[in-house]
């Protein structure tokens, strides 16, 4: 017959950490793949977007090109002044350069997606409408007719 011992000293087995590096690298790879990097560095002050009630989210962000309109950042105010300027990609440009910007953005896209390119205007809420009208006219000349205005949701007062 077998003897059964009852020792009060039971030791829990140690936790294996052999698979820990695999898990860490899998998480690192996941975040590297899913994270999107900022497309351009802002040379203008971050626009204080206007409030709106009827908002829709853009579906394919890869088909969106942004045009920023705001006052220059503090570093660049000595060069450009304090009036609103237009930033296209990584540089502050004149409004007359918008047609060339649209052309370059279309060429950078897949030929099948070029017709679906949306121009996104991120405009400071204190910017005068004259500069917006000029931008819209240049976009019409460049046949960039899909236009989106960035806005923040308006708080409901109840």
N, C-alpha and C. Protein backbone atom coordinates (compact mmCIF):
# COMPACT_ATOMS: atom_id res chain seq x y z
N UNK A 1 0.81 -1.17 0.00
CA UNK A 1 0.00 0.00 0.00
C UNK A 1 0.87 1.25 0.00
N UNK A 2 0.37 2.27 -0.71
CA UNK A 2 1.14 3.50 -0.81
C UNK A 2 0.90 4.39 0.39
N UNK A 3 1.91 5.12 0.72
CA UNK A 3 1.78 6.02 1.85
C UNK A 3 1.44 7.41 1.33
N UNK A 4 0.52 8.04 1.99
CA UNK A 4 0.16 9.42 1.65
C UNK A 4 0.72 10.33 2.72
N UNK A 5 1.50 11.31 2.25
CA UNK A 5 2.06 12.24 3.22
C UNK A 5 1.33 13.57 3.13
N UNK A 6 1.15 14.15 4.23
CA UNK A 6 0.55 15.48 4.27
C UNK A 6 1.55 16.43 4.88
N UNK A 7 2.32 17.03 4.00
CA UNK A 7 3.23 18.08 4.46
C UNK A 7 2.53 19.42 4.25
N UNK A 8 2.55 20.25 5.17
CA UNK A 8 1.93 21.56 5.06
C UNK A 8 2.73 22.50 4.18
N UNK A 9 3.83 22.06 3.64
CA UNK A 9 4.72 22.91 2.88
C UNK A 9 4.54 22.66 1.38
N UNK A 10 3.56 23.31 0.78
CA UNK A 10 3.39 23.20 -0.68
C UNK A 10 3.96 24.46 -1.30
N UNK A 11 4.80 24.31 -2.27
CA UNK A 11 5.45 25.42 -2.94
C UNK A 11 4.81 25.59 -4.31
N UNK A 12 4.36 26.81 -4.59
CA UNK A 12 3.78 27.09 -5.91
C UNK A 12 4.91 27.12 -6.94
N UNK A 13 4.64 26.58 -8.12
CA UNK A 13 5.67 26.60 -9.16
C UNK A 13 5.93 28.04 -9.63
N UNK A 14 7.14 28.33 -10.05
CA UNK A 14 7.51 29.67 -10.52
C UNK A 14 6.84 29.99 -11.84
N UNK A 15 6.61 31.28 -12.11
CA UNK A 15 6.00 31.72 -13.36
C UNK A 15 7.10 31.79 -14.41
N UNK A 16 6.84 31.14 -15.52
CA UNK A 16 7.82 31.13 -16.60
C UNK A 16 7.78 32.46 -17.35
N UNK A 17 8.91 33.06 -17.52
CA UNK A 17 8.99 34.32 -18.28
C UNK A 17 9.66 34.11 -19.64
N UNK A 18 9.69 32.87 -20.08
CA UNK A 18 10.35 32.58 -21.36
C UNK A 18 9.63 33.20 -22.54
N UNK A 19 8.29 33.31 -22.47
CA UNK A 19 7.55 33.87 -23.60
C UNK A 19 7.35 35.38 -23.49
N UNK A 20 7.81 36.00 -22.44
CA UNK A 20 7.64 37.44 -22.25
C UNK A 20 8.26 38.27 -23.38
N UNK A 21 9.48 38.00 -23.84
CA UNK A 21 10.02 38.78 -24.96
C UNK A 21 9.18 38.65 -26.23
N UNK A 22 8.62 37.46 -26.47
CA UNK A 22 7.77 37.28 -27.64
C UNK A 22 6.54 38.18 -27.56
N UNK A 23 5.95 38.25 -26.40
CA UNK A 23 4.75 39.07 -26.21
C UNK A 23 5.09 40.55 -26.38
N UNK A 24 6.20 40.98 -25.82
CA UNK A 24 6.61 42.38 -25.92
C UNK A 24 6.86 42.75 -27.37
N UNK A 25 7.56 41.92 -28.13
CA UNK A 25 7.84 42.24 -29.53
C UNK A 25 6.57 42.18 -30.37
N UNK A 26 5.64 41.31 -30.04
CA UNK A 26 4.39 41.25 -30.77
C UNK A 26 3.59 42.54 -30.55
N UNK A 27 3.54 43.05 -29.32
CA UNK A 27 2.87 44.31 -29.04
C UNK A 27 3.57 45.48 -29.72
N UNK A 28 4.88 45.48 -29.68
CA UNK A 28 5.65 46.54 -30.34
C UNK A 28 5.36 46.55 -31.83
N UNK A 29 5.38 45.40 -32.45
CA UNK A 29 5.10 45.30 -33.89
C UNK A 29 3.67 45.76 -34.18
N UNK A 30 2.71 45.37 -33.35
CA UNK A 30 1.32 45.78 -33.55
C UNK A 30 1.20 47.30 -33.54
N UNK A 31 1.80 47.96 -32.55
CA UNK A 31 1.69 49.41 -32.46
C UNK A 31 2.46 50.11 -33.57
N UNK A 32 3.55 49.53 -34.02
CA UNK A 32 4.29 50.13 -35.14
C UNK A 32 3.46 50.09 -36.42
N UNK A 33 2.72 49.03 -36.62
CA UNK A 33 1.92 48.87 -37.84
C UNK A 33 0.67 49.75 -37.80
N UNK A 34 0.02 49.85 -36.65
CA UNK A 34 -1.27 50.55 -36.60
C UNK A 34 -1.16 52.04 -36.34
N UNK A 35 -0.02 52.53 -35.90
CA UNK A 35 0.11 53.95 -35.60
C UNK A 35 0.37 54.73 -36.88
N UNK A 36 -0.30 55.87 -37.00
CA UNK A 36 -0.04 56.75 -38.14
C UNK A 36 0.80 57.92 -37.66
N UNK A 37 1.71 58.31 -38.48
CA UNK A 37 2.57 59.44 -38.14
C UNK A 37 1.93 60.73 -38.65
N UNK A 38 2.30 61.82 -38.04
CA UNK A 38 1.80 63.12 -38.46
C UNK A 38 2.31 63.39 -39.87
N UNK A 39 1.41 63.86 -40.74
CA UNK A 39 1.79 64.06 -42.13
C UNK A 39 2.70 65.26 -42.34
N UNK A 40 2.41 66.35 -41.65
CA UNK A 40 3.22 67.54 -41.85
C UNK A 40 3.39 68.29 -40.54
N UNK A 41 4.45 69.03 -40.47
CA UNK A 41 4.72 69.86 -39.30
C UNK A 41 4.01 71.19 -39.48
N UNK A 42 3.30 71.62 -38.47
CA UNK A 42 2.58 72.89 -38.56
C UNK A 42 3.55 74.06 -38.44
N UNK A 43 3.50 74.93 -39.44
CA UNK A 43 4.27 76.17 -39.42
C UNK A 43 3.40 77.34 -39.00
N UNK A 44 2.10 77.08 -38.94
CA UNK A 44 1.16 78.09 -38.48
C UNK A 44 0.69 77.70 -37.09
N UNK A 45 0.10 78.65 -36.38
CA UNK A 45 -0.47 78.31 -35.08
C UNK A 45 -1.58 77.31 -35.29
N UNK A 46 -1.75 76.42 -34.35
CA UNK A 46 -2.80 75.41 -34.48
C UNK A 46 -4.14 76.13 -34.63
N UNK A 47 -4.84 75.86 -35.74
CA UNK A 47 -6.09 76.58 -35.96
C UNK A 47 -7.13 76.25 -34.89
N UNK A 48 -7.78 77.29 -34.39
CA UNK A 48 -8.90 77.09 -33.47
C UNK A 48 -10.10 76.87 -34.37
N UNK A 49 -10.50 75.61 -34.52
CA UNK A 49 -11.53 75.26 -35.48
C UNK A 49 -12.89 75.78 -35.04
N UNK A 50 -13.74 76.15 -36.01
CA UNK A 50 -15.08 76.60 -35.66
C UNK A 50 -15.95 75.44 -35.18
N UNK A 51 -17.07 75.76 -34.56
CA UNK A 51 -18.01 74.76 -34.07
C UNK A 51 -19.08 74.54 -35.14
N UNK A 52 -19.57 73.31 -35.24
CA UNK A 52 -20.60 72.99 -36.22
C UNK A 52 -21.56 71.94 -35.65
N UNK A 53 -22.75 71.87 -36.22
CA UNK A 53 -23.74 70.91 -35.74
C UNK A 53 -23.84 69.69 -36.66
N UNK A 54 -23.70 69.88 -37.95
CA UNK A 54 -23.84 68.78 -38.91
C UNK A 54 -22.46 68.29 -39.33
N UNK A 55 -21.93 67.29 -38.63
CA UNK A 55 -20.60 66.78 -38.92
C UNK A 55 -20.67 65.36 -39.44
N UNK A 56 -19.79 65.04 -40.37
CA UNK A 56 -19.62 63.66 -40.83
C UNK A 56 -18.14 63.35 -40.84
N UNK A 57 -17.83 62.11 -40.57
CA UNK A 57 -16.43 61.69 -40.53
C UNK A 57 -16.00 61.25 -41.92
N UNK A 58 -14.79 61.62 -42.30
CA UNK A 58 -14.25 61.21 -43.59
C UNK A 58 -13.88 59.73 -43.54
N UNK A 59 -14.22 59.01 -44.59
CA UNK A 59 -14.00 57.56 -44.62
C UNK A 59 -12.54 57.20 -44.88
N UNK A 60 -12.01 57.59 -46.03
CA UNK A 60 -10.64 57.22 -46.39
C UNK A 60 -9.72 58.43 -46.20
N UNK A 61 -9.00 58.41 -45.10
CA UNK A 61 -8.12 59.54 -44.81
C UNK A 61 -6.91 59.58 -45.73
N UNK A 62 -6.62 58.49 -46.41
CA UNK A 62 -5.49 58.49 -47.33
C UNK A 62 -5.79 59.32 -48.57
N UNK A 63 -7.06 59.64 -48.81
CA UNK A 63 -7.44 60.44 -49.97
C UNK A 63 -7.73 61.90 -49.58
N UNK A 64 -7.20 62.32 -48.44
CA UNK A 64 -7.44 63.68 -47.96
C UNK A 64 -6.13 64.44 -47.90
N UNK A 65 -6.13 65.64 -48.44
CA UNK A 65 -4.99 66.55 -48.35
C UNK A 65 -5.44 67.80 -47.63
N UNK A 66 -4.65 68.24 -46.66
CA UNK A 66 -5.06 69.37 -45.84
C UNK A 66 -4.37 70.66 -46.25
N UNK A 67 -5.15 71.73 -46.17
CA UNK A 67 -4.66 73.09 -46.36
C UNK A 67 -4.93 73.82 -45.05
N UNK A 68 -3.88 74.32 -44.41
CA UNK A 68 -4.00 75.01 -43.14
C UNK A 68 -4.00 76.52 -43.37
N UNK A 69 -4.91 77.20 -42.71
CA UNK A 69 -4.96 78.66 -42.80
C UNK A 69 -5.04 79.20 -41.38
N UNK A 70 -4.01 79.91 -40.97
CA UNK A 70 -3.96 80.49 -39.64
C UNK A 70 -2.81 81.49 -39.61
N UNK A 71 -2.65 82.14 -38.48
CA UNK A 71 -1.51 83.06 -38.34
C UNK A 71 -0.23 82.26 -38.20
N UNK A 72 0.89 82.78 -38.66
CA UNK A 72 2.15 82.04 -38.56
C UNK A 72 2.53 81.79 -37.10
N UNK A 73 3.31 80.74 -36.89
CA UNK A 73 3.80 80.47 -35.54
C UNK A 73 4.69 81.63 -35.08
N UNK A 74 4.93 81.71 -33.80
CA UNK A 74 5.68 82.84 -33.23
C UNK A 74 7.07 82.95 -33.86
N UNK A 75 7.69 81.82 -34.18
CA UNK A 75 9.03 81.85 -34.78
C UNK A 75 9.02 82.54 -36.14
N UNK A 76 7.92 82.37 -36.90
CA UNK A 76 7.87 82.87 -38.27
C UNK A 76 7.15 84.20 -38.42
N UNK A 77 6.68 84.77 -37.33
CA UNK A 77 5.96 86.04 -37.45
C UNK A 77 6.86 87.18 -37.89
N UNK A 78 8.14 87.10 -37.64
CA UNK A 78 9.06 88.15 -38.11
C UNK A 78 9.14 88.15 -39.63
N UNK A 79 8.98 86.98 -40.24
CA UNK A 79 9.08 86.86 -41.70
C UNK A 79 7.74 87.11 -42.37
N UNK A 80 6.66 86.50 -41.84
CA UNK A 80 5.36 86.52 -42.52
C UNK A 80 4.35 87.49 -41.90
N UNK A 81 4.66 88.08 -40.76
CA UNK A 81 3.72 88.99 -40.12
C UNK A 81 2.69 88.24 -39.30
N UNK A 82 1.62 88.94 -38.97
CA UNK A 82 0.59 88.33 -38.11
C UNK A 82 -0.71 88.06 -38.86
N UNK A 83 -0.74 88.33 -40.15
CA UNK A 83 -1.94 88.04 -40.94
C UNK A 83 -2.01 86.55 -41.26
N UNK A 84 -3.21 85.98 -41.46
CA UNK A 84 -3.33 84.56 -41.79
C UNK A 84 -2.58 84.21 -43.07
N UNK A 85 -1.93 83.06 -43.05
CA UNK A 85 -1.19 82.56 -44.21
C UNK A 85 -1.67 81.15 -44.52
N UNK A 86 -1.30 80.65 -45.70
CA UNK A 86 -1.72 79.33 -46.16
C UNK A 86 -0.52 78.40 -46.09
N UNK A 87 -0.71 77.26 -45.43
CA UNK A 87 0.35 76.24 -45.38
C UNK A 87 -0.07 75.06 -46.23
N UNK A 88 0.77 74.73 -47.21
CA UNK A 88 0.57 73.57 -48.08
C UNK A 88 1.72 72.60 -47.80
N UNK A 89 1.40 71.45 -47.29
CA UNK A 89 2.39 70.45 -46.87
C UNK A 89 3.35 71.06 -45.86
N UNK A 90 4.61 71.18 -46.20
CA UNK A 90 5.63 71.61 -45.24
C UNK A 90 6.07 73.05 -45.42
N UNK A 91 5.34 73.85 -46.20
CA UNK A 91 5.79 75.22 -46.42
C UNK A 91 4.61 76.18 -46.49
N UNK A 92 4.90 77.42 -46.15
CA UNK A 92 3.90 78.48 -46.27
C UNK A 92 4.01 79.03 -47.68
N UNK A 93 2.89 79.01 -48.39
CA UNK A 93 2.89 79.40 -49.80
C UNK A 93 1.85 80.47 -50.07
N UNK A 94 1.97 81.07 -51.25
CA UNK A 94 0.98 82.02 -51.73
C UNK A 94 -0.23 81.23 -52.24
N UNK A 95 -1.38 81.88 -52.27
CA UNK A 95 -2.60 81.21 -52.72
C UNK A 95 -2.49 80.76 -54.17
N UNK A 96 -1.71 81.46 -54.97
CA UNK A 96 -1.56 81.09 -56.38
C UNK A 96 -0.87 79.74 -56.57
N UNK A 97 -0.22 79.19 -55.54
CA UNK A 97 0.47 77.90 -55.63
C UNK A 97 -0.46 76.72 -55.35
N UNK A 98 -1.73 76.97 -55.05
CA UNK A 98 -2.65 75.89 -54.69
C UNK A 98 -2.89 74.95 -55.86
N UNK A 99 -2.98 75.47 -57.07
CA UNK A 99 -3.21 74.60 -58.24
C UNK A 99 -2.07 73.61 -58.41
N UNK A 100 -0.85 74.06 -58.24
CA UNK A 100 0.32 73.16 -58.33
C UNK A 100 0.29 72.14 -57.19
N UNK A 101 -0.10 72.57 -56.00
CA UNK A 101 -0.22 71.67 -54.84
C UNK A 101 -1.23 70.55 -55.13
N UNK A 102 -2.37 70.91 -55.69
CA UNK A 102 -3.40 69.91 -56.02
C UNK A 102 -2.87 68.93 -57.05
N UNK A 103 -2.17 69.44 -58.05
CA UNK A 103 -1.61 68.58 -59.10
C UNK A 103 -0.61 67.59 -58.50
N UNK A 104 0.27 68.05 -57.62
CA UNK A 104 1.25 67.17 -56.99
C UNK A 104 0.59 66.14 -56.08
N UNK A 105 -0.47 66.54 -55.38
CA UNK A 105 -1.18 65.61 -54.51
C UNK A 105 -1.88 64.52 -55.34
N UNK A 106 -2.42 64.90 -56.48
CA UNK A 106 -3.06 63.89 -57.35
C UNK A 106 -2.02 62.92 -57.91
N UNK A 107 -0.88 63.44 -58.31
CA UNK A 107 0.16 62.57 -58.87
C UNK A 107 0.71 61.61 -57.84
N UNK A 108 0.65 61.98 -56.57
CA UNK A 108 1.16 61.11 -55.51
C UNK A 108 0.20 59.97 -55.19
N UNK A 109 -1.03 60.04 -55.67
CA UNK A 109 -2.03 59.02 -55.38
C UNK A 109 -2.09 57.97 -56.49
N UNK A 110 -2.72 56.88 -56.17
CA UNK A 110 -2.98 55.82 -57.13
C UNK A 110 -3.87 56.38 -58.25
N UNK A 111 -3.61 56.06 -59.51
CA UNK A 111 -4.42 56.62 -60.61
C UNK A 111 -5.92 56.35 -60.46
N UNK A 112 -6.29 55.25 -59.84
CA UNK A 112 -7.71 54.94 -59.67
C UNK A 112 -8.36 55.83 -58.61
N UNK A 113 -7.58 56.37 -57.70
CA UNK A 113 -8.11 57.16 -56.59
C UNK A 113 -8.00 58.66 -56.80
N UNK A 114 -7.42 59.09 -57.89
CA UNK A 114 -7.17 60.52 -58.09
C UNK A 114 -8.45 61.35 -58.13
N UNK A 115 -9.52 60.77 -58.65
CA UNK A 115 -10.78 61.52 -58.74
C UNK A 115 -11.46 61.66 -57.39
N UNK A 116 -11.05 60.88 -56.40
CA UNK A 116 -11.68 60.89 -55.10
C UNK A 116 -10.91 61.72 -54.07
N UNK A 117 -9.92 62.47 -54.52
CA UNK A 117 -9.11 63.29 -53.63
C UNK A 117 -9.97 64.40 -53.02
N UNK A 118 -9.92 64.53 -51.71
CA UNK A 118 -10.68 65.54 -50.99
C UNK A 118 -9.72 66.55 -50.39
N UNK A 119 -10.00 67.82 -50.60
CA UNK A 119 -9.18 68.88 -50.02
C UNK A 119 -9.84 69.29 -48.70
N UNK A 120 -9.07 69.23 -47.63
CA UNK A 120 -9.56 69.52 -46.29
C UNK A 120 -9.03 70.88 -45.84
N UNK A 121 -9.93 71.81 -45.57
CA UNK A 121 -9.53 73.14 -45.11
C UNK A 121 -9.59 73.17 -43.59
N UNK A 122 -8.42 73.37 -42.99
CA UNK A 122 -8.34 73.55 -41.54
C UNK A 122 -8.05 75.03 -41.31
N UNK A 123 -9.10 75.76 -41.04
CA UNK A 123 -9.03 77.21 -40.99
C UNK A 123 -9.35 77.69 -39.59
N UNK A 124 -8.56 78.66 -39.12
CA UNK A 124 -8.82 79.26 -37.82
C UNK A 124 -10.17 79.97 -37.85
N UNK A 125 -10.90 79.89 -36.76
CA UNK A 125 -12.26 80.46 -36.73
C UNK A 125 -12.28 81.98 -36.86
N UNK A 126 -11.15 82.65 -36.60
CA UNK A 126 -11.10 84.12 -36.69
C UNK A 126 -10.61 84.61 -38.05
N UNK A 127 -10.37 83.71 -38.98
CA UNK A 127 -9.89 84.09 -40.30
C UNK A 127 -11.02 84.72 -41.10
N UNK A 128 -10.71 85.78 -41.82
CA UNK A 128 -11.70 86.47 -42.66
C UNK A 128 -12.09 85.58 -43.84
N UNK A 129 -13.30 85.76 -44.31
CA UNK A 129 -13.84 84.90 -45.38
C UNK A 129 -13.19 85.20 -46.73
N UNK A 130 -12.56 86.34 -46.90
CA UNK A 130 -11.96 86.69 -48.19
C UNK A 130 -10.87 85.71 -48.60
N UNK A 131 -10.01 85.32 -47.67
CA UNK A 131 -8.94 84.37 -48.00
C UNK A 131 -9.51 82.99 -48.31
N UNK A 132 -10.61 82.63 -47.64
CA UNK A 132 -11.26 81.34 -47.91
C UNK A 132 -11.86 81.35 -49.31
N UNK A 133 -12.47 82.45 -49.70
CA UNK A 133 -13.04 82.57 -51.05
C UNK A 133 -11.95 82.47 -52.11
N UNK A 134 -10.81 83.11 -51.86
CA UNK A 134 -9.69 83.02 -52.80
C UNK A 134 -9.18 81.59 -52.93
N UNK A 135 -9.09 80.88 -51.82
CA UNK A 135 -8.65 79.49 -51.84
C UNK A 135 -9.65 78.64 -52.62
N UNK A 136 -10.93 78.86 -52.39
CA UNK A 136 -11.96 78.09 -53.11
C UNK A 136 -11.90 78.35 -54.61
N UNK A 137 -11.63 79.60 -55.01
CA UNK A 137 -11.51 79.90 -56.44
C UNK A 137 -10.32 79.17 -57.06
N UNK A 138 -9.20 79.15 -56.36
CA UNK A 138 -8.02 78.43 -56.86
C UNK A 138 -8.29 76.92 -56.94
N UNK A 139 -9.01 76.39 -55.98
CA UNK A 139 -9.36 74.96 -56.01
C UNK A 139 -10.28 74.65 -57.19
N UNK A 140 -11.20 75.56 -57.49
CA UNK A 140 -12.07 75.36 -58.66
C UNK A 140 -11.26 75.36 -59.95
N UNK A 141 -10.29 76.29 -60.04
CA UNK A 141 -9.43 76.34 -61.24
C UNK A 141 -8.64 75.05 -61.41
N UNK A 142 -8.26 74.43 -60.28
CA UNK A 142 -7.49 73.18 -60.33
C UNK A 142 -8.40 71.95 -60.43
N UNK A 143 -9.70 72.19 -60.55
CA UNK A 143 -10.71 71.12 -60.64
C UNK A 143 -10.69 70.21 -59.41
N UNK A 144 -10.42 70.79 -58.25
CA UNK A 144 -10.51 70.07 -56.98
C UNK A 144 -11.83 70.47 -56.34
N UNK A 145 -12.88 69.74 -56.70
CA UNK A 145 -14.22 70.15 -56.32
C UNK A 145 -14.73 69.49 -55.05
N UNK A 146 -14.03 68.47 -54.56
CA UNK A 146 -14.42 67.85 -53.29
C UNK A 146 -13.71 68.61 -52.18
N UNK A 147 -14.50 69.29 -51.36
CA UNK A 147 -13.96 70.17 -50.35
C UNK A 147 -14.58 69.83 -49.00
N UNK A 148 -13.76 69.84 -47.97
CA UNK A 148 -14.21 69.55 -46.62
C UNK A 148 -13.70 70.65 -45.70
N UNK A 149 -14.56 71.10 -44.79
CA UNK A 149 -14.16 72.07 -43.78
C UNK A 149 -14.04 71.34 -42.45
N UNK A 150 -12.90 71.42 -41.81
CA UNK A 150 -12.73 70.81 -40.49
C UNK A 150 -13.42 71.66 -39.45
N UNK A 151 -14.13 70.99 -38.54
CA UNK A 151 -14.83 71.70 -37.47
C UNK A 151 -14.93 70.79 -36.25
N UNK A 152 -15.23 71.41 -35.13
CA UNK A 152 -15.45 70.69 -33.89
C UNK A 152 -16.94 70.59 -33.62
N UNK A 153 -17.38 69.56 -32.91
CA UNK A 153 -18.80 69.46 -32.61
C UNK A 153 -19.26 70.58 -31.66
N UNK A 154 -20.43 71.11 -31.92
CA UNK A 154 -20.99 72.16 -31.08
C UNK A 154 -21.63 71.52 -29.86
N UNK A 155 -21.38 72.08 -28.71
CA UNK A 155 -21.97 71.54 -27.48
C UNK A 155 -23.46 71.84 -27.47
N UNK A 156 -24.26 70.82 -27.15
CA UNK A 156 -25.71 71.00 -27.08
C UNK A 156 -26.07 71.63 -25.74
N UNK A 157 -26.87 72.69 -25.80
CA UNK A 157 -27.35 73.34 -24.57
C UNK A 157 -28.75 72.83 -24.28
N UNK A 158 -28.90 72.16 -23.15
CA UNK A 158 -30.23 71.62 -22.77
C UNK A 158 -30.64 72.13 -21.43
